[in-house]
Amino acid sequence: MRKIILLMLGIWSTIVAGSASVKALEPALRKIIDEYDATVGVAFIADCGDTVTVNNDARYPLMSVMKLHQAVYVAHCLRQGGRGMEVTVEVEKGDLPAGTYSPLRDKFPEGGVTLTVGQLLEYTLQLSDNNACDLLFKRFGGPAEVDACIRALGIGDFAIAATEADMHRDPQLCHANYSTPLAAARLIDRLFRTDTVGNAEMKFIASTLAGCHTGLQRIPCGVGDSLAVVAHKTGTSDRDARGRWTAINDVAHVVLADGRSYSLAVFVADSGESMEKTEEIIARISRAVFNCFVF
């Protein structure tokens, strides 16, 4: 009995200490944010449910983070249709316009190839390919369908209203795809914490995010656990006419070596800093969250 009581006391002490750390997180994040010329929003969701937000009452341009929303929608479509990631899509030269970021076009400049949906999602989620994104819109349905699917999951405070081609034609349309940090954190948290990960399509999305090649100096850089698995999706704008970054983002689910996990979204809008400094904001916030969660 004494051992059980001591064990329960130990668990309770850990919970209390964790709650105290979470309460200290918001002022620590604000202190970091105040050092930079940018608008920064943060949302953190611990595996116990504790949540911290900073500057969550604004609409932040999603940029390519919206490819996460699209991927969840595509997985839903495949599940509903009884099909898997092996469904094929024909890629023609006309599907690969120039002037937009596209490793897919770089590899197949003349098109004329057939790729699976799984391969296209690897291009969008791991390489943030814009042409692959619009190919998936063309194959499965546009922004309105993606928006409706995510809302059906009970997530609000966001909008998906423009394709990559739309934003290329009119850069101001990047503001039509927006989210609060908490809405984005809830989406990736739901992906990893509910039974949706039990189906093959959603499991594919989750594992593909863990292989993301972009933004490694953002949230992954702040995670001080070499054995942690960081599944994340970045968003990156060009500079606007004033020379400021419209939005530099990252949203992630982090699983530590000991099995504990948390979700984190960091959106940096209207940054007057260099790219290196802007990514530094995200990395420092990530490290502060990691330290709060672990210690």
C-alpha atoms as a PDB file:
ATOM      1  CA  MET A   1       0.000   0.000   0.000  1.00  0.00           C
ATOM      2  CA  ARG A   2       2.842   2.391   0.909  1.00  0.00           C
ATOM      3  CA  LYS A   3       4.402   1.824  -2.545  1.00  0.00           C
ATOM      4  CA  ILE A   4       1.093   2.603  -4.235  1.00  0.00           C
ATOM      5  CA  ILE A   5       0.690   5.807  -2.243  1.00  0.00           C
ATOM      6  CA  LEU A   6       4.232   6.900  -3.073  1.00  0.00           C
ATOM      7  CA  LEU A   7       3.631   6.121  -6.743  1.00  0.00           C
ATOM      8  CA  MET A   8       0.412   8.178  -6.757  1.00  0.00           C
ATOM      9  CA  LEU A   9       2.195  11.040  -5.033  1.00  0.00           C
ATOM     10  CA  GLY A  10       4.914  10.889  -7.663  1.00  0.00           C
ATOM     11  CA  ILE A  11       2.378  11.011 -10.486  1.00  0.00           C
ATOM     12  CA  TRP A  12       0.545  13.906  -8.818  1.00  0.00           C
ATOM     13  CA  SER A  13       3.816  15.814  -8.347  1.00  0.00           C
ATOM     14  CA  THR A  14       4.598  15.365 -12.050  1.00  0.00           C
ATOM     15  CA  ILE A  15       1.147  16.661 -13.039  1.00  0.00           C
ATOM     16  CA  VAL A  16       1.441  19.685 -10.731  1.00  0.00           C
ATOM     17  CA  ALA A  17       4.963  20.451 -11.964  1.00  0.00           C
ATOM     18  CA  GLY A  18       3.802  20.123 -15.556  1.00  0.00           C
ATOM     19  CA  SER A  19       0.883  22.480 -14.982  1.00  0.00           C
ATOM     20  CA  ALA A  20       3.203  25.015 -13.342  1.00  0.00           C
ATOM     21  CA  SER A  21       5.574  24.828 -16.313  1.00  0.00           C
ATOM     22  CA  VAL A  22       2.725  25.338 -18.780  1.00  0.00           C
ATOM     23  CA  LYS A  23       1.561  28.413 -16.872  1.00  0.00           C
ATOM     24  CA  ALA A  24       5.080  29.845 -17.174  1.00  0.00           C
ATOM     25  CA  LEU A  25       5.222  29.139 -20.907  1.00  0.00           C
ATOM     26  CA  GLU A  26       3.088  32.020 -22.181  1.00  0.00           C
ATOM     27  CA  PRO A  27       5.216  34.823 -20.671  1.00  0.00           C
ATOM     28  CA  ALA A  28       8.376  33.048 -21.853  1.00  0.00           C
ATOM     29  CA  LEU A  29       7.027  32.919 -25.412  1.00  0.00           C
ATOM     30  CA  ARG A  30       5.969  36.567 -25.326  1.00  0.00           C
ATOM     31  CA  LYS A  31       9.466  37.543 -24.226  1.00  0.00           C
ATOM     32  CA  ILE A  32      10.945  35.779 -27.270  1.00  0.00           C
ATOM     33  CA  ILE A  33       8.402  37.273 -29.665  1.00  0.00           C
ATOM     34  CA  ASP A  34       9.017  40.822 -28.414  1.00  0.00           C
ATOM     35  CA  GLU A  35      12.620  40.661 -29.644  1.00  0.00           C
ATOM     36  CA  TYR A  36      11.611  40.489 -33.322  1.00  0.00           C
ATOM     37  CA  ASP A  37      10.007  42.691 -35.954  1.00  0.00           C
ATOM     38  CA  ALA A  38       7.147  40.333 -36.791  1.00  0.00           C
ATOM     39  CA  THR A  39       3.645  39.276 -35.761  1.00  0.00           C
ATOM     40  CA  VAL A  40       3.880  35.832 -34.187  1.00  0.00           C
ATOM     41  CA  GLY A  41       1.113  33.458 -33.159  1.00  0.00           C
ATOM     42  CA  VAL A  42       1.650  30.255 -31.204  1.00  0.00           C
ATOM     43  CA  ALA A  43      -0.483  27.315 -30.086  1.00  0.00           C
ATOM     44  CA  PHE A  44       0.744  24.410 -27.968  1.00  0.00           C
ATOM     45  CA  ILE A  45      -1.300  21.323 -27.057  1.00  0.00           C
ATOM     46  CA  ALA A  46       0.199  18.842 -24.584  1.00  0.00           C
ATOM     47  CA  ASP A  47      -0.715  15.169 -24.605  1.00  0.00           C
ATOM     48  CA  CYS A  48      -2.512  15.708 -21.294  1.00  0.00           C
ATOM     49  CA  GLY A  49      -4.704  18.352 -22.930  1.00  0.00           C
ATOM     50  CA  ASP A  50      -3.030  21.450 -21.480  1.00  0.00           C
ATOM     51  CA  THR A  51      -3.134  24.230 -24.079  1.00  0.00           C
ATOM     52  CA  VAL A  52      -1.268  27.510 -24.381  1.00  0.00           C
ATOM     53  CA  THR A  53      -1.850  30.166 -27.044  1.00  0.00           C
ATOM     54  CA  VAL A  54      -0.194  33.486 -27.784  1.00  0.00           C
ATOM     55  CA  ASN A  55      -1.635  36.024 -30.232  1.00  0.00           C
ATOM     56  CA  ASN A  56      -4.255  33.518 -31.353  1.00  0.00           C
ATOM     57  CA  ASP A  57      -6.926  36.101 -32.196  1.00  0.00           C
ATOM     58  CA  ALA A  58      -5.532  36.950 -35.655  1.00  0.00           C
ATOM     59  CA  ARG A  59      -5.867  35.341 -39.079  1.00  0.00           C
ATOM     60  CA  TYR A  60      -2.468  34.151 -40.288  1.00  0.00           C
ATOM     61  CA  PRO A  61      -1.895  33.247 -43.968  1.00  0.00           C
ATOM     62  CA  LEU A  62      -1.407  29.480 -44.102  1.00  0.00           C
ATOM     63  CA  MET A  63       0.764  29.396 -47.196  1.00  0.00           C
ATOM     64  CA  SER A  64       1.713  25.736 -47.786  1.00  0.00           C
ATOM     65  CA  VAL A  65       0.460  24.605 -44.398  1.00  0.00           C
ATOM     66  CA  MET A  66      -2.850  24.353 -46.274  1.00  0.00           C
ATOM     67  CA  LYS A  67      -1.387  21.273 -47.976  1.00  0.00           C
ATOM     68  CA  LEU A  68      -1.900  19.490 -44.641  1.00  0.00           C
ATOM     69  CA  HIS A  69      -5.612  20.338 -44.811  1.00  0.00           C
ATOM     70  CA  GLN A  70      -5.714  19.144 -48.404  1.00  0.00           C
ATOM     71  CA  ALA A  71      -3.959  15.879 -47.523  1.00  0.00           C
ATOM     72  CA  VAL A  72      -6.499  15.091 -44.795  1.00  0.00           C
ATOM     73  CA  TYR A  73      -9.277  15.761 -47.327  1.00  0.00           C
ATOM     74  CA  VAL A  74      -7.677  13.544 -49.991  1.00  0.00           C
ATOM     75  CA  ALA A  75      -7.268  10.728 -47.449  1.00  0.00           C
ATOM     76  CA  HIS A  76     -10.947  11.120 -46.561  1.00  0.00           C
ATOM     77  CA  CYS A  77     -11.951  10.920 -50.238  1.00  0.00           C
ATOM     78  CA  LEU A  78      -9.937   7.757 -50.749  1.00  0.00           C
ATOM     79  CA  ARG A  79     -11.383   6.191 -47.605  1.00  0.00           C
ATOM     80  CA  GLN A  80     -14.935   7.046 -48.644  1.00  0.00           C
ATOM     81  CA  GLY A  81     -14.375   5.628 -52.109  1.00  0.00           C
ATOM     82  CA  GLY A  82     -12.790   2.440 -50.861  1.00  0.00           C
ATOM     83  CA  ARG A  83      -9.552   3.248 -52.656  1.00  0.00           C
ATOM     84  CA  GLY A  84      -5.957   3.521 -51.473  1.00  0.00           C
ATOM     85  CA  MET A  85      -2.913   5.659 -52.099  1.00  0.00           C
ATOM     86  CA  GLU A  86      -2.123   3.581 -55.192  1.00  0.00           C
ATOM     87  CA  VAL A  87      -4.805   5.429 -57.209  1.00  0.00           C
ATOM     88  CA  THR A  88      -3.040   6.956 -60.223  1.00  0.00           C
ATOM     89  CA  VAL A  89      -3.046  10.462 -61.687  1.00  0.00           C
ATOM     90  CA  GLU A  90      -1.910  11.380 -65.190  1.00  0.00           C
ATOM     91  CA  VAL A  91       0.525  14.317 -65.202  1.00  0.00           C
ATOM     92  CA  GLU A  92       0.735  16.304 -68.432  1.00  0.00           C
ATOM     93  CA  LYS A  93       3.022  19.187 -69.303  1.00  0.00           C
ATOM     94  CA  GLY A  94       0.117  21.602 -68.917  1.00  0.00           C
ATOM     95  CA  ASP A  95      -0.201  20.537 -65.283  1.00  0.00           C
ATOM     96  CA  LEU A  96       3.319  21.797 -64.583  1.00  0.00           C
ATOM     97  CA  PRO A  97       3.351  25.566 -65.143  1.00  0.00           C
ATOM     98  CA  ALA A  98       6.615  27.421 -64.707  1.00  0.00           C
ATOM     99  CA  GLY A  99       7.236  30.216 -62.231  1.00  0.00           C
ATOM    100  CA  THR A 100       6.105  28.357 -59.132  1.00  0.00           C
ATOM    101  CA  TYR A 101       8.010  26.089 -56.760  1.00  0.00           C
ATOM    102  CA  SER A 102       7.795  22.540 -58.109  1.00  0.00           C
ATOM    103  CA  PRO A 103      10.392  19.780 -57.695  1.00  0.00           C
ATOM    104  CA  LEU A 104       7.882  17.634 -59.598  1.00  0.00           C
ATOM    105  CA  ARG A 105       8.220  19.851 -62.670  1.00  0.00           C
ATOM    106  CA  ASP A 106      11.979  19.920 -62.255  1.00  0.00           C
ATOM    107  CA  LYS A 107      12.044  16.111 -62.412  1.00  0.00           C
ATOM    108  CA  PHE A 108       9.462  15.710 -65.204  1.00  0.00           C
ATOM    109  CA  PRO A 109       9.545  19.004 -67.178  1.00  0.00           C
ATOM    110  CA  GLU A 110       7.627  17.512 -70.106  1.00  0.00           C
ATOM    111  CA  GLY A 111       5.034  15.691 -67.993  1.00  0.00           C
ATOM    112  CA  GLY A 112       3.729  12.546 -69.630  1.00  0.00           C
ATOM    113  CA  VAL A 113       4.047  10.483 -66.456  1.00  0.00           C
ATOM    114  CA  THR A 114       1.653   8.607 -64.219  1.00  0.00           C
ATOM    115  CA  LEU A 115       2.038   9.003 -60.473  1.00  0.00           C
ATOM    116  CA  THR A 116       0.110   7.570 -57.568  1.00  0.00           C
ATOM    117  CA  VAL A 117      -1.785   9.788 -55.157  1.00  0.00           C
ATOM    118  CA  GLY A 118       0.684   8.677 -52.511  1.00  0.00           C
ATOM    119  CA  GLN A 119       3.574   9.979 -54.591  1.00  0.00           C
ATOM    120  CA  LEU A 120       1.833  13.317 -55.162  1.00  0.00           C
ATOM    121  CA  LEU A 121       1.221  13.650 -51.416  1.00  0.00           C
ATOM    122  CA  GLU A 122       4.891  12.997 -50.773  1.00  0.00           C
ATOM    123  CA  TYR A 123       5.655  15.897 -53.116  1.00  0.00           C
ATOM    124  CA  THR A 124       3.179  18.198 -51.356  1.00  0.00           C
ATOM    125  CA  LEU A 125       3.870  17.238 -47.739  1.00  0.00           C
ATOM    126  CA  GLN A 126       7.598  16.573 -47.817  1.00  0.00           C
ATOM    127  CA  LEU A 127       8.719  19.009 -50.552  1.00  0.00           C
ATOM    128  CA  SER A 128       5.807  21.494 -50.520  1.00  0.00           C
ATOM    129  CA  ASP A 129       5.340  21.172 -54.284  1.00  0.00           C
ATOM    130  CA  ASN A 130       2.810  23.678 -55.653  1.00  0.00           C
ATOM    131  CA  ASN A 131       2.024  21.920 -58.924  1.00  0.00           C
ATOM    132  CA  ALA A 132       1.425  18.607 -57.139  1.00  0.00           C
ATOM    133  CA  CYS A 133      -0.973  20.436 -54.836  1.00  0.00           C
ATOM    134  CA  ASP A 134      -3.011  21.771 -57.751  1.00  0.00           C
ATOM    135  CA  LEU A 135      -3.000  18.350 -59.416  1.00  0.00           C
ATOM    136  CA  LEU A 136      -4.663  16.981 -56.282  1.00  0.00           C
ATOM    137  CA  PHE A 137      -7.203  19.832 -56.355  1.00  0.00           C
ATOM    138  CA  LYS A 138      -7.919  18.967 -59.988  1.00  0.00           C
ATOM    139  CA  ARG A 139      -8.318  15.255 -59.219  1.00  0.00           C
ATOM    140  CA  PHE A 140     -10.309  15.364 -55.957  1.00  0.00           C
ATOM    141  CA  GLY A 141     -12.014  18.744 -55.627  1.00  0.00           C
ATOM    142  CA  GLY A 142     -11.097  22.342 -54.982  1.00  0.00           C
ATOM    143  CA  PRO A 143     -10.560  24.560 -51.959  1.00  0.00           C
ATOM    144  CA  ALA A 144     -14.267  24.650 -51.035  1.00  0.00           C
ATOM    145  CA  GLU A 145     -14.356  20.870 -50.692  1.00  0.00           C
ATOM    146  CA  VAL A 146     -11.212  20.851 -48.549  1.00  0.00           C
ATOM    147  CA  ASP A 147     -12.648  23.612 -46.359  1.00  0.00           C
ATOM    148  CA  ALA A 148     -15.919  21.714 -45.849  1.00  0.00           C
ATOM    149  CA  CYS A 149     -14.121  18.464 -44.983  1.00  0.00           C
ATOM    150  CA  ILE A 150     -11.997  20.054 -42.254  1.00  0.00           C
ATOM    151  CA  ARG A 151     -14.984  21.900 -40.796  1.00  0.00           C
ATOM    152  CA  ALA A 152     -16.830  18.574 -40.628  1.00  0.00           C
ATOM    153  CA  LEU A 153     -14.082  17.440 -38.225  1.00  0.00           C
ATOM    154  CA  GLY A 154     -15.211  20.165 -35.825  1.00  0.00           C
ATOM    155  CA  ILE A 155     -12.365  22.568 -36.575  1.00  0.00           C
ATOM    156  CA  GLY A 156     -13.107  26.234 -37.267  1.00  0.00           C
ATOM    157  CA  ASP A 157     -11.222  29.542 -37.294  1.00  0.00           C
ATOM    158  CA  PHE A 158      -9.631  28.836 -40.671  1.00  0.00           C
ATOM    159  CA  ALA A 159     -10.452  29.039 -44.380  1.00  0.00           C
ATOM    160  CA  ILE A 160      -9.238  27.329 -47.541  1.00  0.00           C
ATOM    161  CA  ALA A 161     -10.365  29.349 -50.554  1.00  0.00           C
ATOM    162  CA  ALA A 162      -7.500  29.545 -53.083  1.00  0.00           C
ATOM    163  CA  THR A 163      -5.347  27.137 -55.087  1.00  0.00           C
ATOM    164  CA  GLU A 164      -1.620  27.581 -55.618  1.00  0.00           C
ATOM    165  CA  ALA A 165      -2.367  28.814 -59.154  1.00  0.00           C
ATOM    166  CA  ASP A 166      -4.808  31.384 -57.732  1.00  0.00           C
ATOM    167  CA  MET A 167      -2.154  32.702 -55.347  1.00  0.00           C
ATOM    168  CA  HIS A 168       0.436  32.760 -58.107  1.00  0.00           C
ATOM    169  CA  ARG A 169      -1.846  34.948 -60.241  1.00  0.00           C
ATOM    170  CA  ASP A 170      -2.706  37.240 -57.335  1.00  0.00           C
ATOM    171  CA  PRO A 171      -0.366  37.093 -54.307  1.00  0.00           C
ATOM    172  CA  GLN A 172      -2.967  38.878 -52.178  1.00  0.00           C
ATOM    173  CA  LEU A 173      -5.098  35.743 -52.351  1.00  0.00           C
ATOM    174  CA  CYS A 174      -2.694  34.060 -49.940  1.00  0.00           C
ATOM    175  CA  HIS A 175      -4.719  35.843 -47.250  1.00  0.00           C
ATOM    176  CA  ALA A 176      -7.798  33.869 -48.354  1.00  0.00           C
ATOM    177  CA  ASN A 177      -6.202  30.721 -46.929  1.00  0.00           C
ATOM    178  CA  TYR A 178      -5.842  31.516 -43.246  1.00  0.00           C
ATOM    179  CA  SER A 179      -5.936  29.978 -39.785  1.00  0.00           C
ATOM    180  CA  THR A 180      -5.435  30.746 -36.154  1.00  0.00           C
ATOM    181  CA  PRO A 181      -2.487  28.858 -34.674  1.00  0.00           C
ATOM    182  CA  LEU A 182      -4.819  26.879 -32.413  1.00  0.00           C
ATOM    183  CA  ALA A 183      -6.958  25.669 -35.325  1.00  0.00           C
ATOM    184  CA  ALA A 184      -3.850  24.357 -37.108  1.00  0.00           C
ATOM    185  CA  ALA A 185      -2.495  22.754 -33.946  1.00  0.00           C
ATOM    186  CA  ARG A 186      -5.852  21.070 -33.374  1.00  0.00           C
ATOM    187  CA  LEU A 187      -5.860  19.644 -36.890  1.00  0.00           C
ATOM    188  CA  ILE A 188      -2.449  17.992 -36.617  1.00  0.00           C
ATOM    189  CA  ASP A 189      -3.181  16.949 -33.026  1.00  0.00           C
ATOM    190  CA  ARG A 190      -6.401  15.266 -34.148  1.00  0.00           C
ATOM    191  CA  LEU A 191      -4.553  13.452 -36.912  1.00  0.00           C
ATOM    192  CA  PHE A 192      -2.207  11.822 -34.408  1.00  0.00           C
ATOM    193  CA  ARG A 193      -4.448  11.370 -31.377  1.00  0.00           C
ATOM    194  CA  THR A 194      -7.730   9.965 -32.660  1.00  0.00           C
ATOM    195  CA  ASP A 195      -8.658   6.685 -34.245  1.00  0.00           C
ATOM    196  CA  THR A 196      -8.284   8.296 -37.683  1.00  0.00           C
ATOM    197  CA  VAL A 197      -4.649   7.234 -37.514  1.00  0.00           C
ATOM    198  CA  GLY A 198      -5.946   3.670 -37.404  1.00  0.00           C
ATOM    199  CA  ASN A 199      -6.959   3.775 -41.053  1.00  0.00           C
ATOM    200  CA  ALA A 200      -4.326   3.285 -43.718  1.00  0.00           C
ATOM    201  CA  GLU A 201      -4.916   6.597 -45.507  1.00  0.00           C
ATOM    202  CA  MET A 202      -4.547   8.810 -42.423  1.00  0.00           C
ATOM    203  CA  LYS A 203      -1.636   6.699 -41.220  1.00  0.00           C
ATOM    204  CA  PHE A 204       0.074   7.370 -44.543  1.00  0.00           C
ATOM    205  CA  ILE A 205      -0.395  11.134 -44.046  1.00  0.00           C
ATOM    206  CA  ALA A 206       1.044  10.946 -40.534  1.00  0.00           C
ATOM    207  CA  SER A 207       4.110   8.948 -41.573  1.00  0.00           C
ATOM    208  CA  THR A 208       4.703  11.146 -44.627  1.00  0.00           C
ATOM    209  CA  LEU A 209       4.749  14.283 -42.467  1.00  0.00           C
ATOM    210  CA  ALA A 210       7.533  12.681 -40.420  1.00  0.00           C
ATOM    211  CA  GLY A 211       9.682  12.746 -43.569  1.00  0.00           C
ATOM    212  CA  CYS A 212       9.240  16.461 -44.306  1.00  0.00           C
ATOM    213  CA  HIS A 213      12.391  17.912 -45.908  1.00  0.00           C
ATOM    214  CA  THR A 214      11.509  21.619 -45.629  1.00  0.00           C
ATOM    215  CA  GLY A 215      11.901  23.962 -42.661  1.00  0.00           C
ATOM    216  CA  LEU A 216      14.393  21.882 -40.718  1.00  0.00           C
ATOM    217  CA  GLN A 217      15.617  25.068 -39.011  1.00  0.00           C
ATOM    218  CA  ARG A 218      12.127  25.710 -37.629  1.00  0.00           C
ATOM    219  CA  ILE A 219      10.283  23.461 -35.131  1.00  0.00           C
ATOM    220  CA  PRO A 220      12.627  20.453 -35.590  1.00  0.00           C
ATOM    221  CA  CYS A 221      15.622  22.626 -34.732  1.00  0.00           C
ATOM    222  CA  GLY A 222      14.203  23.404 -31.282  1.00  0.00           C
ATOM    223  CA  VAL A 223      13.448  19.839 -30.234  1.00  0.00           C
ATOM    224  CA  GLY A 224      16.257  18.802 -27.921  1.00  0.00           C
ATOM    225  CA  ASP A 225      15.691  15.060 -28.207  1.00  0.00           C
ATOM    226  CA  SER A 226      17.720  13.351 -30.898  1.00  0.00           C
ATOM    227  CA  LEU A 227      15.363  10.353 -30.890  1.00  0.00           C
ATOM    228  CA  ALA A 228      12.173  12.416 -31.182  1.00  0.00           C
ATOM    229  CA  VAL A 229       9.952  12.048 -34.227  1.00  0.00           C
ATOM    230  CA  VAL A 230       8.897  15.445 -35.567  1.00  0.00           C
ATOM    231  CA  ALA A 231       6.080  15.276 -38.113  1.00  0.00           C
ATOM    232  CA  HIS A 232       5.534  18.751 -39.510  1.00  0.00           C
ATOM    233  CA  LYS A 233       4.325  20.913 -42.388  1.00  0.00           C
ATOM    234  CA  THR A 234       5.807  24.249 -43.318  1.00  0.00           C
ATOM    235  CA  GLY A 235       4.493  27.294 -45.126  1.00  0.00           C
ATOM    236  CA  THR A 236       6.727  29.883 -46.785  1.00  0.00           C
ATOM    237  CA  SER A 237       5.873  33.062 -48.671  1.00  0.00           C
ATOM    238  CA  ASP A 238       7.864  35.391 -50.862  1.00  0.00           C
ATOM    239  CA  ARG A 239       8.706  38.903 -49.696  1.00  0.00           C
ATOM    240  CA  ASP A 240       5.996  41.467 -50.366  1.00  0.00           C
ATOM    241  CA  ALA A 241       6.422  44.865 -52.058  1.00  0.00           C
ATOM    242  CA  ARG A 242       7.744  46.301 -48.777  1.00  0.00           C
ATOM    243  CA  GLY A 243      10.402  43.606 -48.529  1.00  0.00           C
ATOM    244  CA  ARG A 244       8.668  41.792 -45.664  1.00  0.00           C
ATOM    245  CA  TRP A 245       7.843  38.084 -45.456  1.00  0.00           C
ATOM    246  CA  THR A 246       4.084  37.648 -45.663  1.00  0.00           C
ATOM    247  CA  ALA A 247       4.169  34.404 -43.659  1.00  0.00           C
ATOM    248  CA  ILE A 248       6.745  31.864 -42.492  1.00  0.00           C
ATOM    249  CA  ASN A 249       5.055  28.974 -40.670  1.00  0.00           C
ATOM    250  CA  ASP A 250       5.445  25.527 -39.183  1.00  0.00           C
ATOM    251  CA  VAL A 251       2.960  23.159 -37.547  1.00  0.00           C
ATOM    252  CA  ALA A 252       4.110  19.908 -35.965  1.00  0.00           C
ATOM    253  CA  HIS A 253       3.346  16.892 -33.830  1.00  0.00           C
ATOM    254  CA  VAL A 254       6.320  15.830 -31.725  1.00  0.00           C
ATOM    255  CA  VAL A 255       6.740  12.394 -30.159  1.00  0.00           C
ATOM    256  CA  LEU A 256       9.625  12.183 -27.707  1.00  0.00           C
ATOM    257  CA  ALA A 257      11.788   9.134 -27.053  1.00  0.00           C
ATOM    258  CA  ASP A 258       9.902   8.412 -23.809  1.00  0.00           C
ATOM    259  CA  GLY A 259       6.559   8.301 -25.646  1.00  0.00           C
ATOM    260  CA  ARG A 260       5.212  11.663 -24.518  1.00  0.00           C
ATOM    261  CA  SER A 261       3.983  13.978 -27.263  1.00  0.00           C
ATOM    262  CA  TYR A 262       2.670  17.439 -28.063  1.00  0.00           C
ATOM    263  CA  SER A 263       1.463  19.509 -30.996  1.00  0.00           C
ATOM    264  CA  LEU A 264       2.755  22.965 -31.852  1.00  0.00           C
ATOM    265  CA  ALA A 265       1.882  25.610 -34.428  1.00  0.00           C
ATOM    266  CA  VAL A 266       4.000  28.731 -34.943  1.00  0.00           C
ATOM    267  CA  PHE A 267       2.860  31.305 -37.499  1.00  0.00           C
ATOM    268  CA  VAL A 268       5.091  34.296 -38.253  1.00  0.00           C
ATOM    269  CA  ALA A 269       3.405  37.023 -40.302  1.00  0.00           C
ATOM    270  CA  ASP A 270       4.661  40.321 -41.723  1.00  0.00           C
ATOM    271  CA  SER A 271       8.268  39.655 -40.741  1.00  0.00           C
ATOM    272  CA  GLY A 272      10.817  42.379 -41.338  1.00  0.00           C
ATOM    273  CA  GLU A 273      13.624  40.039 -40.325  1.00  0.00           C
ATOM    274  CA  SER A 274      15.861  37.980 -42.602  1.00  0.00           C
ATOM    275  CA  MET A 275      14.790  34.437 -43.429  1.00  0.00           C
ATOM    276  CA  GLU A 276      17.390  33.132 -40.985  1.00  0.00           C
ATOM    277  CA  LYS A 277      16.108  35.363 -38.177  1.00  0.00           C
ATOM    278  CA  THR A 278      12.491  34.536 -38.978  1.00  0.00           C
ATOM    279  CA  GLU A 279      13.189  30.811 -38.789  1.00  0.00           C
ATOM    280  CA  GLU A 280      15.108  31.494 -35.584  1.00  0.00           C
ATOM    281  CA  ILE A 281      11.884  32.808 -34.022  1.00  0.00           C
ATOM    282  CA  ILE A 282      10.185  29.479 -34.690  1.00  0.00           C
ATOM    283  CA  ALA A 283      13.174  27.448 -33.485  1.00  0.00           C
ATOM    284  CA  ARG A 284      13.447  29.422 -30.241  1.00  0.00           C
ATOM    285  CA  ILE A 285       9.742  29.041 -29.549  1.00  0.00           C
ATOM    286  CA  SER A 286      10.061  25.320 -30.280  1.00  0.00           C
ATOM    287  CA  ARG A 287      12.961  25.027 -27.824  1.00  0.00           C
ATOM    288  CA  ALA A 288      11.032  26.927 -25.131  1.00  0.00           C
ATOM    289  CA  VAL A 289       8.065  24.576 -25.581  1.00  0.00           C
ATOM    290  CA  PHE A 290      10.323  21.519 -25.492  1.00  0.00           C
ATOM    291  CA  ASN A 291      12.026  22.694 -22.308  1.00  0.00           C
ATOM    292  CA  CYS A 292       8.677  23.446 -20.673  1.00  0.00           C
ATOM    293  CA  PHE A 293       7.280  20.061 -21.620  1.00  0.00           C
ATOM    294  CA  VAL A 294      10.304  18.019 -20.577  1.00  0.00           C
ATOM    295  CA  PHE A 295      11.479  19.756 -17.402  1.00  0.00           C
END
